[in-house]
């Protein structure tokens, strides 16, 4: 595998799309997800400037069976029609499930999988290297390592070095609570492995060599996402900061308020998608339905940001 060429296919806006469910029974709404992906493609999401993540945290992987996650991967690849790559989240505590999902992702046509360290029992670095090796031993997909210190495993600089040499690991979805580790990892290794910023430090990370940014706003305003990425690529950092302050930070301000009511991710995206004429709905439990309590606040936030489909 040519890791550099593979990473190029994931450059730009790393779009974590939500998993959609039918309101009636909370079963998968695959047609709604396909409509969403087609919307993203029609509005400019293309390989080399964007990639779509399905079954990640915002995709409620923790509420999905292995079979459901593979159904989502197949439906997403079909909807993308080769125009933008699909990455499947394969976070799990079961190596058997990990291997099954990696094999299924390759069969479906995904360009990669997103894997974190296993959780609950905090693993050692050797544990995680073997964990990732089980993917590369059983499939040919590229691997994005998802740094998730909130689950207990902290990605050290030494471990980043090991990821560079790990088979099929092409990218790190990067977050560290240690500012010096966050900076030095990219400063020292961004020419050797792709970094996807997951810390809301888009400008700083791009300056240090990050080649993608995890961007929720692209779910309902993909044109803005591409515009923002192009600003970073042109090093128009002052303008990009203004856009980030206007569009990205209000989203996360609202996330803080919602987190006091219920957990989960993807719920704001779903509401904004509904305003954009797409299907949305609620999250599966344990996340509670936020639409009645926060729907108007989400609309006001999106309208203030300038999302074109939403009126004040």
C-alpha atoms as a PDB file:
ATOM      1  CA  UNK A   1       0.000   0.000   0.000  1.00  0.00           C
ATOM      2  CA  UNK A   2       1.249   3.466  -0.945  1.00  0.00           C
ATOM      3  CA  UNK A   3       0.308   5.309   2.238  1.00  0.00           C
ATOM      4  CA  UNK A   4       0.903   8.767   0.799  1.00  0.00           C
ATOM      5  CA  UNK A   5      -1.409   8.169  -2.166  1.00  0.00           C
ATOM      6  CA  UNK A   6      -4.025   6.633   0.109  1.00  0.00           C
ATOM      7  CA  UNK A   7      -3.891   9.592   2.492  1.00  0.00           C
ATOM      8  CA  UNK A   8      -4.362  11.995  -0.418  1.00  0.00           C
ATOM      9  CA  UNK A   9      -7.771  10.416  -0.997  1.00  0.00           C
ATOM     10  CA  UNK A  10      -8.808  11.603   2.492  1.00  0.00           C
ATOM     11  CA  UNK A  11      -7.525  15.175   2.300  1.00  0.00           C
ATOM     12  CA  UNK A  12      -9.783  18.099   3.185  1.00  0.00           C
ATOM     13  CA  UNK A  13     -13.078  17.977   5.073  1.00  0.00           C
ATOM     14  CA  UNK A  14     -13.405  14.772   7.089  1.00  0.00           C
ATOM     15  CA  UNK A  15     -17.202  14.664   7.355  1.00  0.00           C
ATOM     16  CA  UNK A  16     -18.606  12.569  10.249  1.00  0.00           C
ATOM     17  CA  UNK A  17     -22.158  11.914   9.104  1.00  0.00           C
ATOM     18  CA  UNK A  18     -24.876  10.882  11.567  1.00  0.00           C
ATOM     19  CA  UNK A  19     -26.651   7.547  11.374  1.00  0.00           C
ATOM     20  CA  UNK A  20     -30.323   8.088  10.579  1.00  0.00           C
ATOM     21  CA  UNK A  21     -33.150   6.074  12.124  1.00  0.00           C
ATOM     22  CA  UNK A  22     -36.842   5.809  11.401  1.00  0.00           C
ATOM     23  CA  UNK A  23     -38.888   7.670  13.981  1.00  0.00           C
ATOM     24  CA  UNK A  24     -41.427   4.849  14.170  1.00  0.00           C
ATOM     25  CA  UNK A  25     -39.102   2.099  15.442  1.00  0.00           C
ATOM     26  CA  UNK A  26     -35.534   3.511  15.408  1.00  0.00           C
ATOM     27  CA  UNK A  27     -34.480   1.029  12.747  1.00  0.00           C
ATOM     28  CA  UNK A  28     -31.922   2.166  10.172  1.00  0.00           C
ATOM     29  CA  UNK A  29     -33.059   4.757   7.638  1.00  0.00           C
ATOM     30  CA  UNK A  30     -30.668   3.819   4.852  1.00  0.00           C
ATOM     31  CA  UNK A  31     -32.545   5.702   2.080  1.00  0.00           C
ATOM     32  CA  UNK A  32     -32.308   8.855   4.185  1.00  0.00           C
ATOM     33  CA  UNK A  33     -28.560   8.348   4.637  1.00  0.00           C
ATOM     34  CA  UNK A  34     -28.100   7.806   0.907  1.00  0.00           C
ATOM     35  CA  UNK A  35     -30.028  11.000   0.168  1.00  0.00           C
ATOM     36  CA  UNK A  36     -27.716  12.829   2.568  1.00  0.00           C
ATOM     37  CA  UNK A  37     -24.576  11.504   0.873  1.00  0.00           C
ATOM     38  CA  UNK A  38     -25.947  12.403  -2.561  1.00  0.00           C
ATOM     39  CA  UNK A  39     -26.638  15.915  -1.207  1.00  0.00           C
ATOM     40  CA  UNK A  40     -23.007  16.183  -0.085  1.00  0.00           C
ATOM     41  CA  UNK A  41     -21.742  15.023  -3.481  1.00  0.00           C
ATOM     42  CA  UNK A  42     -24.074  17.358  -5.367  1.00  0.00           C
ATOM     43  CA  UNK A  43     -22.817  20.257  -3.241  1.00  0.00           C
ATOM     44  CA  UNK A  44     -19.165  19.558  -3.996  1.00  0.00           C
ATOM     45  CA  UNK A  45     -17.802  16.801  -1.743  1.00  0.00           C
ATOM     46  CA  UNK A  46     -15.123  15.120  -3.854  1.00  0.00           C
ATOM     47  CA  UNK A  47     -12.246  12.741  -3.265  1.00  0.00           C
ATOM     48  CA  UNK A  48      -9.090  14.740  -2.610  1.00  0.00           C
ATOM     49  CA  UNK A  49     -11.059  17.506  -0.902  1.00  0.00           C
ATOM     50  CA  UNK A  50     -13.368  15.514   1.359  1.00  0.00           C
ATOM     51  CA  UNK A  51     -14.065  12.078   2.781  1.00  0.00           C
ATOM     52  CA  UNK A  52     -17.184  10.764   4.512  1.00  0.00           C
ATOM     53  CA  UNK A  53     -17.025   8.884   7.814  1.00  0.00           C
ATOM     54  CA  UNK A  54     -19.930   6.574   8.626  1.00  0.00           C
ATOM     55  CA  UNK A  55     -20.411   4.741  11.903  1.00  0.00           C
ATOM     56  CA  UNK A  56     -18.180   7.032  13.945  1.00  0.00           C
ATOM     57  CA  UNK A  57     -19.039   8.668  17.256  1.00  0.00           C
ATOM     58  CA  UNK A  58     -21.556  11.025  15.653  1.00  0.00           C
ATOM     59  CA  UNK A  59     -22.767   7.959  13.762  1.00  0.00           C
ATOM     60  CA  UNK A  60     -23.685   6.320  17.086  1.00  0.00           C
ATOM     61  CA  UNK A  61     -21.515   3.263  16.506  1.00  0.00           C
ATOM     62  CA  UNK A  62     -22.088   2.227  20.119  1.00  0.00           C
ATOM     63  CA  UNK A  63     -25.787   1.647  19.381  1.00  0.00           C
ATOM     64  CA  UNK A  64     -25.209  -0.332  16.169  1.00  0.00           C
ATOM     65  CA  UNK A  65     -24.705  -4.030  15.555  1.00  0.00           C
ATOM     66  CA  UNK A  66     -21.892  -5.225  13.296  1.00  0.00           C
ATOM     67  CA  UNK A  67     -24.472  -6.137  10.667  1.00  0.00           C
ATOM     68  CA  UNK A  68     -25.985  -2.644  10.798  1.00  0.00           C
ATOM     69  CA  UNK A  69     -22.604  -0.986  10.453  1.00  0.00           C
ATOM     70  CA  UNK A  70     -21.826  -3.047   7.365  1.00  0.00           C
ATOM     71  CA  UNK A  71     -25.247  -2.281   5.883  1.00  0.00           C
ATOM     72  CA  UNK A  72     -24.474   1.418   6.357  1.00  0.00           C
ATOM     73  CA  UNK A  73     -21.067   1.016   4.684  1.00  0.00           C
ATOM     74  CA  UNK A  74     -22.589  -0.697   1.651  1.00  0.00           C
ATOM     75  CA  UNK A  75     -25.357   1.890   1.304  1.00  0.00           C
ATOM     76  CA  UNK A  76     -22.885   4.777   1.696  1.00  0.00           C
ATOM     77  CA  UNK A  77     -20.487   3.468  -0.950  1.00  0.00           C
ATOM     78  CA  UNK A  78     -23.383   2.983  -3.346  1.00  0.00           C
ATOM     79  CA  UNK A  79     -24.645   6.525  -2.778  1.00  0.00           C
ATOM     80  CA  UNK A  80     -21.171   8.068  -3.133  1.00  0.00           C
ATOM     81  CA  UNK A  81     -20.841   6.446  -6.573  1.00  0.00           C
ATOM     82  CA  UNK A  82     -17.041   6.675  -6.521  1.00  0.00           C
ATOM     83  CA  UNK A  83     -17.003  10.459  -6.269  1.00  0.00           C
ATOM     84  CA  UNK A  84     -15.987  10.681  -2.617  1.00  0.00           C
ATOM     85  CA  UNK A  85     -14.400   8.074  -0.376  1.00  0.00           C
ATOM     86  CA  UNK A  86     -16.179   6.335   2.486  1.00  0.00           C
ATOM     87  CA  UNK A  87     -14.470   5.453   5.783  1.00  0.00           C
ATOM     88  CA  UNK A  88     -16.204   3.077   8.215  1.00  0.00           C
ATOM     89  CA  UNK A  89     -15.835   3.513  11.958  1.00  0.00           C
ATOM     90  CA  UNK A  90     -14.856   0.147  13.453  1.00  0.00           C
ATOM     91  CA  UNK A  91     -14.462   1.083  17.103  1.00  0.00           C
ATOM     92  CA  UNK A  92     -15.243  -1.907  19.294  1.00  0.00           C
ATOM     93  CA  UNK A  93     -14.010  -3.947  22.243  1.00  0.00           C
ATOM     94  CA  UNK A  94     -14.170  -7.232  20.301  1.00  0.00           C
ATOM     95  CA  UNK A  95     -11.332  -8.219  17.984  1.00  0.00           C
ATOM     96  CA  UNK A  96     -13.623 -10.661  16.182  1.00  0.00           C
ATOM     97  CA  UNK A  97     -16.012  -7.819  15.417  1.00  0.00           C
ATOM     98  CA  UNK A  98     -13.087  -5.590  14.432  1.00  0.00           C
ATOM     99  CA  UNK A  99     -11.870  -8.107  11.854  1.00  0.00           C
ATOM    100  CA  UNK A 100     -15.395  -8.753  10.555  1.00  0.00           C
ATOM    101  CA  UNK A 101     -15.977  -5.041  10.044  1.00  0.00           C
ATOM    102  CA  UNK A 102     -12.605  -4.504   8.358  1.00  0.00           C
ATOM    103  CA  UNK A 103     -13.281  -7.345   5.945  1.00  0.00           C
ATOM    104  CA  UNK A 104     -16.792  -6.065   5.311  1.00  0.00           C
ATOM    105  CA  UNK A 105     -15.577  -2.514   4.748  1.00  0.00           C
ATOM    106  CA  UNK A 106     -13.105  -3.701   2.130  1.00  0.00           C
ATOM    107  CA  UNK A 107     -15.751  -5.832   0.419  1.00  0.00           C
ATOM    108  CA  UNK A 108     -18.177  -2.886   0.365  1.00  0.00           C
ATOM    109  CA  UNK A 109     -15.592  -0.629  -1.288  1.00  0.00           C
ATOM    110  CA  UNK A 110     -14.663   1.656   1.604  1.00  0.00           C
ATOM    111  CA  UNK A 111     -11.304   3.364   1.211  1.00  0.00           C
ATOM    112  CA  UNK A 112     -10.544   2.938   4.902  1.00  0.00           C
ATOM    113  CA  UNK A 113     -11.625   2.256   8.447  1.00  0.00           C
ATOM    114  CA  UNK A 114     -11.370   4.422  11.545  1.00  0.00           C
ATOM    115  CA  UNK A 115     -10.147   2.453  14.549  1.00  0.00           C
ATOM    116  CA  UNK A 116      -9.445   3.569  18.095  1.00  0.00           C
ATOM    117  CA  UNK A 117      -7.679   1.704  20.848  1.00  0.00           C
ATOM    118  CA  UNK A 118     -10.036  -0.758  22.549  1.00  0.00           C
ATOM    119  CA  UNK A 119     -11.679   0.685  25.636  1.00  0.00           C
ATOM    120  CA  UNK A 120     -12.989  -0.180  29.125  1.00  0.00           C
ATOM    121  CA  UNK A 121      -9.826  -2.169  29.872  1.00  0.00           C
ATOM    122  CA  UNK A 122      -7.056   0.360  29.172  1.00  0.00           C
ATOM    123  CA  UNK A 123      -4.595  -1.311  26.768  1.00  0.00           C
ATOM    124  CA  UNK A 124      -0.829  -0.996  26.516  1.00  0.00           C
ATOM    125  CA  UNK A 125       0.852   0.353  23.401  1.00  0.00           C
ATOM    126  CA  UNK A 126       1.797  -3.176  22.368  1.00  0.00           C
ATOM    127  CA  UNK A 127      -1.843  -4.222  22.778  1.00  0.00           C
ATOM    128  CA  UNK A 128      -2.962  -1.475  20.407  1.00  0.00           C
ATOM    129  CA  UNK A 129      -0.316  -2.260  17.789  1.00  0.00           C
ATOM    130  CA  UNK A 130      -1.487  -5.894  17.753  1.00  0.00           C
ATOM    131  CA  UNK A 131      -5.095  -4.680  17.643  1.00  0.00           C
ATOM    132  CA  UNK A 132      -4.416  -2.630  14.513  1.00  0.00           C
ATOM    133  CA  UNK A 133      -2.371  -5.452  13.002  1.00  0.00           C
ATOM    134  CA  UNK A 134      -5.447  -7.673  13.111  1.00  0.00           C
ATOM    135  CA  UNK A 135      -7.015  -5.244  10.610  1.00  0.00           C
ATOM    136  CA  UNK A 136      -4.054  -5.187   8.211  1.00  0.00           C
ATOM    137  CA  UNK A 137      -3.611  -8.975   8.478  1.00  0.00           C
ATOM    138  CA  UNK A 138      -7.189  -9.556   7.358  1.00  0.00           C
ATOM    139  CA  UNK A 139      -7.962  -6.746   4.900  1.00  0.00           C
ATOM    140  CA  UNK A 140      -6.390  -4.270   2.545  1.00  0.00           C
ATOM    141  CA  UNK A 141      -8.172  -1.136   3.752  1.00  0.00           C
ATOM    142  CA  UNK A 142      -6.320   1.914   4.968  1.00  0.00           C
ATOM    143  CA  UNK A 143      -6.484   2.586   8.703  1.00  0.00           C
ATOM    144  CA  UNK A 144      -7.128   5.926  10.392  1.00  0.00           C
ATOM    145  CA  UNK A 145      -6.075   5.655  14.024  1.00  0.00           C
ATOM    146  CA  UNK A 146      -8.508   7.620  16.178  1.00  0.00           C
ATOM    147  CA  UNK A 147      -6.773   9.141  19.219  1.00  0.00           C
ATOM    148  CA  UNK A 148      -9.365   8.957  22.032  1.00  0.00           C
ATOM    149  CA  UNK A 149      -7.677   9.863  25.327  1.00  0.00           C
ATOM    150  CA  UNK A 150     -11.113  10.254  26.946  1.00  0.00           C
ATOM    151  CA  UNK A 151     -11.441   6.442  26.869  1.00  0.00           C
ATOM    152  CA  UNK A 152      -8.176   5.934  28.744  1.00  0.00           C
ATOM    153  CA  UNK A 153      -5.468   5.354  26.106  1.00  0.00           C
ATOM    154  CA  UNK A 154      -3.176   8.349  25.623  1.00  0.00           C
ATOM    155  CA  UNK A 155      -1.288   8.533  22.328  1.00  0.00           C
ATOM    156  CA  UNK A 156       2.338   9.336  23.151  1.00  0.00           C
ATOM    157  CA  UNK A 157       4.962  10.677  20.769  1.00  0.00           C
ATOM    158  CA  UNK A 158       6.623   7.277  20.882  1.00  0.00           C
ATOM    159  CA  UNK A 159       3.363   5.652  19.854  1.00  0.00           C
ATOM    160  CA  UNK A 160       2.954   8.087  16.937  1.00  0.00           C
ATOM    161  CA  UNK A 161       6.376   6.899  15.740  1.00  0.00           C
ATOM    162  CA  UNK A 162       5.152   3.314  15.910  1.00  0.00           C
ATOM    163  CA  UNK A 163       2.013   4.167  13.929  1.00  0.00           C
ATOM    164  CA  UNK A 164       4.168   5.517  11.091  1.00  0.00           C
ATOM    165  CA  UNK A 165       5.596   2.038  10.589  1.00  0.00           C
ATOM    166  CA  UNK A 166       2.396   0.098  11.335  1.00  0.00           C
ATOM    167  CA  UNK A 167       0.989  -1.697   8.255  1.00  0.00           C
ATOM    168  CA  UNK A 168      -1.874   0.124   6.502  1.00  0.00           C
ATOM    169  CA  UNK A 169      -2.024   2.973   9.056  1.00  0.00           C
ATOM    170  CA  UNK A 170      -2.280   6.028   6.816  1.00  0.00           C
ATOM    171  CA  UNK A 171      -3.666   8.708   9.140  1.00  0.00           C
ATOM    172  CA  UNK A 172      -4.192   9.793  12.726  1.00  0.00           C
ATOM    173  CA  UNK A 173      -7.402  11.534  13.737  1.00  0.00           C
ATOM    174  CA  UNK A 174      -5.579  13.699  16.203  1.00  0.00           C
ATOM    175  CA  UNK A 175      -6.388  15.056  19.621  1.00  0.00           C
ATOM    176  CA  UNK A 176      -4.239  15.328  22.729  1.00  0.00           C
ATOM    177  CA  UNK A 177      -5.022  17.152  25.976  1.00  0.00           C
ATOM    178  CA  UNK A 178      -1.280  17.848  26.268  1.00  0.00           C
ATOM    179  CA  UNK A 179      -0.583  20.947  24.176  1.00  0.00           C
ATOM    180  CA  UNK A 180       3.105  20.130  23.774  1.00  0.00           C
ATOM    181  CA  UNK A 181       2.359  16.567  22.586  1.00  0.00           C
ATOM    182  CA  UNK A 182      -0.328  17.850  20.229  1.00  0.00           C
ATOM    183  CA  UNK A 183       2.062  20.329  18.618  1.00  0.00           C
ATOM    184  CA  UNK A 184       5.218  18.275  18.568  1.00  0.00           C
ATOM    185  CA  UNK A 185       3.545  15.244  17.012  1.00  0.00           C
ATOM    186  CA  UNK A 186       2.570  17.250  13.946  1.00  0.00           C
ATOM    187  CA  UNK A 187       5.730  19.319  13.921  1.00  0.00           C
ATOM    188  CA  UNK A 188       7.917  16.205  13.918  1.00  0.00           C
ATOM    189  CA  UNK A 189       5.838  13.680  11.994  1.00  0.00           C
ATOM    190  CA  UNK A 190       3.348  15.392   9.637  1.00  0.00           C
ATOM    191  CA  UNK A 191       5.608  14.651   6.668  1.00  0.00           C
ATOM    192  CA  UNK A 192       5.529  10.955   7.529  1.00  0.00           C
ATOM    193  CA  UNK A 193       1.881  10.361   8.388  1.00  0.00           C
ATOM    194  CA  UNK A 194      -1.358  12.222   7.736  1.00  0.00           C
ATOM    195  CA  UNK A 195      -2.958  14.143  10.609  1.00  0.00           C
ATOM    196  CA  UNK A 196      -6.698  14.898  10.726  1.00  0.00           C
ATOM    197  CA  UNK A 197      -7.377  17.624  13.276  1.00  0.00           C
ATOM    198  CA  UNK A 198     -10.051  16.691  15.807  1.00  0.00           C
ATOM    199  CA  UNK A 199      -9.258  19.387  18.347  1.00  0.00           C
ATOM    200  CA  UNK A 200     -10.938  22.488  16.860  1.00  0.00           C
ATOM    201  CA  UNK A 201      -7.471  23.922  16.302  1.00  0.00           C
ATOM    202  CA  UNK A 202      -7.941  23.900  12.555  1.00  0.00           C
ATOM    203  CA  UNK A 203      -5.711  26.861  11.712  1.00  0.00           C
ATOM    204  CA  UNK A 204      -2.876  25.906  14.048  1.00  0.00           C
ATOM    205  CA  UNK A 205      -3.032  22.262  12.984  1.00  0.00           C
ATOM    206  CA  UNK A 206      -3.004  23.193   9.291  1.00  0.00           C
ATOM    207  CA  UNK A 207       0.034  25.409   9.854  1.00  0.00           C
ATOM    208  CA  UNK A 208       1.762  22.389  11.407  1.00  0.00           C
ATOM    209  CA  UNK A 209       0.923  20.123   8.484  1.00  0.00           C
ATOM    210  CA  UNK A 210      -2.527  18.626   9.134  1.00  0.00           C
ATOM    211  CA  UNK A 211      -4.109  17.531   5.862  1.00  0.00           C
ATOM    212  CA  UNK A 212      -7.725  17.213   6.963  1.00  0.00           C
ATOM    213  CA  UNK A 213     -10.151  18.602   9.544  1.00  0.00           C
ATOM    214  CA  UNK A 214     -13.062  16.876  11.274  1.00  0.00           C
ATOM    215  CA  UNK A 215     -15.949  19.186  10.317  1.00  0.00           C
ATOM    216  CA  UNK A 216     -19.572  18.678  11.388  1.00  0.00           C
ATOM    217  CA  UNK A 217     -20.858  21.785   9.603  1.00  0.00           C
ATOM    218  CA  UNK A 218     -20.211  20.113   6.253  1.00  0.00           C
ATOM    219  CA  UNK A 219     -23.159  17.807   6.986  1.00  0.00           C
ATOM    220  CA  UNK A 220     -25.679  20.568   6.316  1.00  0.00           C
ATOM    221  CA  UNK A 221     -23.531  23.210   4.589  1.00  0.00           C
ATOM    222  CA  UNK A 222     -20.941  21.380   2.468  1.00  0.00           C
ATOM    223  CA  UNK A 223     -20.255  24.420   0.279  1.00  0.00           C
ATOM    224  CA  UNK A 224     -19.092  26.334   3.330  1.00  0.00           C
ATOM    225  CA  UNK A 225     -16.878  23.429   4.394  1.00  0.00           C
ATOM    226  CA  UNK A 226     -15.092  23.406   1.049  1.00  0.00           C
ATOM    227  CA  UNK A 227     -14.769  27.199   1.119  1.00  0.00           C
ATOM    228  CA  UNK A 228     -13.248  27.011   4.597  1.00  0.00           C
ATOM    229  CA  UNK A 229     -10.801  24.273   3.593  1.00  0.00           C
ATOM    230  CA  UNK A 230      -9.749  26.268   0.530  1.00  0.00           C
ATOM    231  CA  UNK A 231      -9.023  29.241   2.808  1.00  0.00           C
ATOM    232  CA  UNK A 232      -6.712  27.047   4.877  1.00  0.00           C
ATOM    233  CA  UNK A 233      -4.983  25.737   1.773  1.00  0.00           C
ATOM    234  CA  UNK A 234      -4.484  29.318   0.546  1.00  0.00           C
ATOM    235  CA  UNK A 235      -3.120  30.227   4.009  1.00  0.00           C
ATOM    236  CA  UNK A 236      -5.811  32.868   4.420  1.00  0.00           C
ATOM    237  CA  UNK A 237      -5.723  32.267   8.142  1.00  0.00           C
ATOM    238  CA  UNK A 238      -7.194  35.582   9.290  1.00  0.00           C
ATOM    239  CA  UNK A 239     -10.256  35.108   7.062  1.00  0.00           C
ATOM    240  CA  UNK A 240     -10.517  31.458   8.082  1.00  0.00           C
ATOM    241  CA  UNK A 241     -10.529  32.406  11.765  1.00  0.00           C
ATOM    242  CA  UNK A 242     -13.387  34.817  11.173  1.00  0.00           C
ATOM    243  CA  UNK A 243     -15.363  32.060   9.449  1.00  0.00           C
ATOM    244  CA  UNK A 244     -14.602  29.605  12.214  1.00  0.00           C
ATOM    245  CA  UNK A 245     -15.755  32.075  14.866  1.00  0.00           C
ATOM    246  CA  UNK A 246     -18.972  32.657  12.921  1.00  0.00           C
ATOM    247  CA  UNK A 247     -19.874  29.073  11.945  1.00  0.00           C
ATOM    248  CA  UNK A 248     -17.984  26.462  13.976  1.00  0.00           C
ATOM    249  CA  UNK A 249     -17.824  27.797  17.503  1.00  0.00           C
ATOM    250  CA  UNK A 250     -21.574  28.565  17.928  1.00  0.00           C
ATOM    251  CA  UNK A 251     -22.226  24.909  17.057  1.00  0.00           C
ATOM    252  CA  UNK A 252     -19.990  23.775  19.910  1.00  0.00           C
ATOM    253  CA  UNK A 253     -21.387  26.376  22.287  1.00  0.00           C
ATOM    254  CA  UNK A 254     -24.783  24.770  21.730  1.00  0.00           C
ATOM    255  CA  UNK A 255     -23.276  21.290  22.161  1.00  0.00           C
ATOM    256  CA  UNK A 256     -22.249  22.311  25.682  1.00  0.00           C
ATOM    257  CA  UNK A 257     -25.821  23.315  26.530  1.00  0.00           C
ATOM    258  CA  UNK A 258     -27.266  20.112  25.068  1.00  0.00           C
ATOM    259  CA  UNK A 259     -24.746  17.982  26.983  1.00  0.00           C
ATOM    260  CA  UNK A 260     -26.338  19.205  30.212  1.00  0.00           C
ATOM    261  CA  UNK A 261     -29.606  17.630  29.017  1.00  0.00           C
ATOM    262  CA  UNK A 262     -28.434  14.459  27.259  1.00  0.00           C
ATOM    263  CA  UNK A 263     -25.338  12.752  25.910  1.00  0.00           C
ATOM    264  CA  UNK A 264     -24.495  11.749  22.390  1.00  0.00           C
ATOM    265  CA  UNK A 265     -23.400  13.356  19.135  1.00  0.00           C
ATOM    266  CA  UNK A 266     -24.933  14.013  15.757  1.00  0.00           C
ATOM    267  CA  UNK A 267     -28.212  15.371  17.115  1.00  0.00           C
ATOM    268  CA  UNK A 268     -27.520  18.977  16.047  1.00  0.00           C
ATOM    269  CA  UNK A 269     -26.465  17.777  12.600  1.00  0.00           C
ATOM    270  CA  UNK A 270     -29.745  15.895  12.186  1.00  0.00           C
ATOM    271  CA  UNK A 271     -31.844  18.940  13.045  1.00  0.00           C
ATOM    272  CA  UNK A 272     -29.863  21.168  10.670  1.00  0.00           C
ATOM    273  CA  UNK A 273     -30.171  18.523   7.962  1.00  0.00           C
ATOM    274  CA  UNK A 274     -33.948  18.640   8.347  1.00  0.00           C
ATOM    275  CA  UNK A 275     -33.859  22.411   7.861  1.00  0.00           C
ATOM    276  CA  UNK A 276     -31.798  21.789   4.715  1.00  0.00           C
ATOM    277  CA  UNK A 277     -34.560  19.586   3.303  1.00  0.00           C
ATOM    278  CA  UNK A 278     -32.983  16.265   4.252  1.00  0.00           C
ATOM    279  CA  UNK A 279     -34.114  13.596   6.657  1.00  0.00           C
ATOM    280  CA  UNK A 280     -32.916  13.742  10.251  1.00  0.00           C
ATOM    281  CA  UNK A 281     -34.794  12.356  13.232  1.00  0.00           C
ATOM    282  CA  UNK A 282     -33.618  11.517  16.723  1.00  0.00           C
ATOM    283  CA  UNK A 283     -30.683   9.553  18.086  1.00  0.00           C
ATOM    284  CA  UNK A 284     -31.067   6.105  19.578  1.00  0.00           C
ATOM    285  CA  UNK A 285     -31.126   5.797  23.368  1.00  0.00           C
ATOM    286  CA  UNK A 286     -29.467   6.459  25.695  1.00  0.00           C
ATOM    287  CA  UNK A 287     -29.411   9.852  23.931  1.00  0.00           C
ATOM    288  CA  UNK A 288     -32.785  11.518  24.367  1.00  0.00           C
ATOM    289  CA  UNK A 289     -34.700  13.296  21.615  1.00  0.00           C
ATOM    290  CA  UNK A 290     -33.626  16.968  21.632  1.00  0.00           C
ATOM    291  CA  UNK A 291     -35.894  18.280  18.892  1.00  0.00           C
ATOM    292  CA  UNK A 292     -38.680  19.735  21.029  1.00  0.00           C
ATOM    293  CA  UNK A 293     -36.382  21.259  23.645  1.00  0.00           C
ATOM    294  CA  UNK A 294     -33.571  22.512  21.402  1.00  0.00           C
ATOM    295  CA  UNK A 295     -34.969  22.583  17.860  1.00  0.00           C
ATOM    296  CA  UNK A 296     -35.602  26.318  17.836  1.00  0.00           C
ATOM    297  CA  UNK A 297     -32.214  27.073  19.397  1.00  0.00           C
ATOM    298  CA  UNK A 298     -30.518  24.997  16.705  1.00  0.00           C
ATOM    299  CA  UNK A 299     -32.471  26.858  14.004  1.00  0.00           C
ATOM    300  CA  UNK A 300     -31.473  30.210  15.470  1.00  0.00           C
ATOM    301  CA  UNK A 301     -27.838  29.135  15.690  1.00  0.00           C
ATOM    302  CA  UNK A 302     -27.767  27.919  12.089  1.00  0.00           C
ATOM    303  CA  UNK A 303     -29.568  31.023  10.806  1.00  0.00           C
ATOM    304  CA  UNK A 304     -27.135  33.329  12.651  1.00  0.00           C
ATOM    305  CA  UNK A 305     -24.230  31.410  11.081  1.00  0.00           C
ATOM    306  CA  UNK A 306     -25.672  32.084   7.645  1.00  0.00           C
ATOM    307  CA  UNK A 307     -26.725  28.598   6.579  1.00  0.00           C
ATOM    308  CA  UNK A 308     -28.591  29.522   3.366  1.00  0.00           C
ATOM    309  CA  UNK A 309     -31.586  27.184   3.722  1.00  0.00           C
ATOM    310  CA  UNK A 310     -32.480  28.480   7.178  1.00  0.00           C
ATOM    311  CA  UNK A 311     -34.446  31.672   7.793  1.00  0.00           C
ATOM    312  CA  UNK A 312     -34.181  33.781  10.920  1.00  0.00           C
END
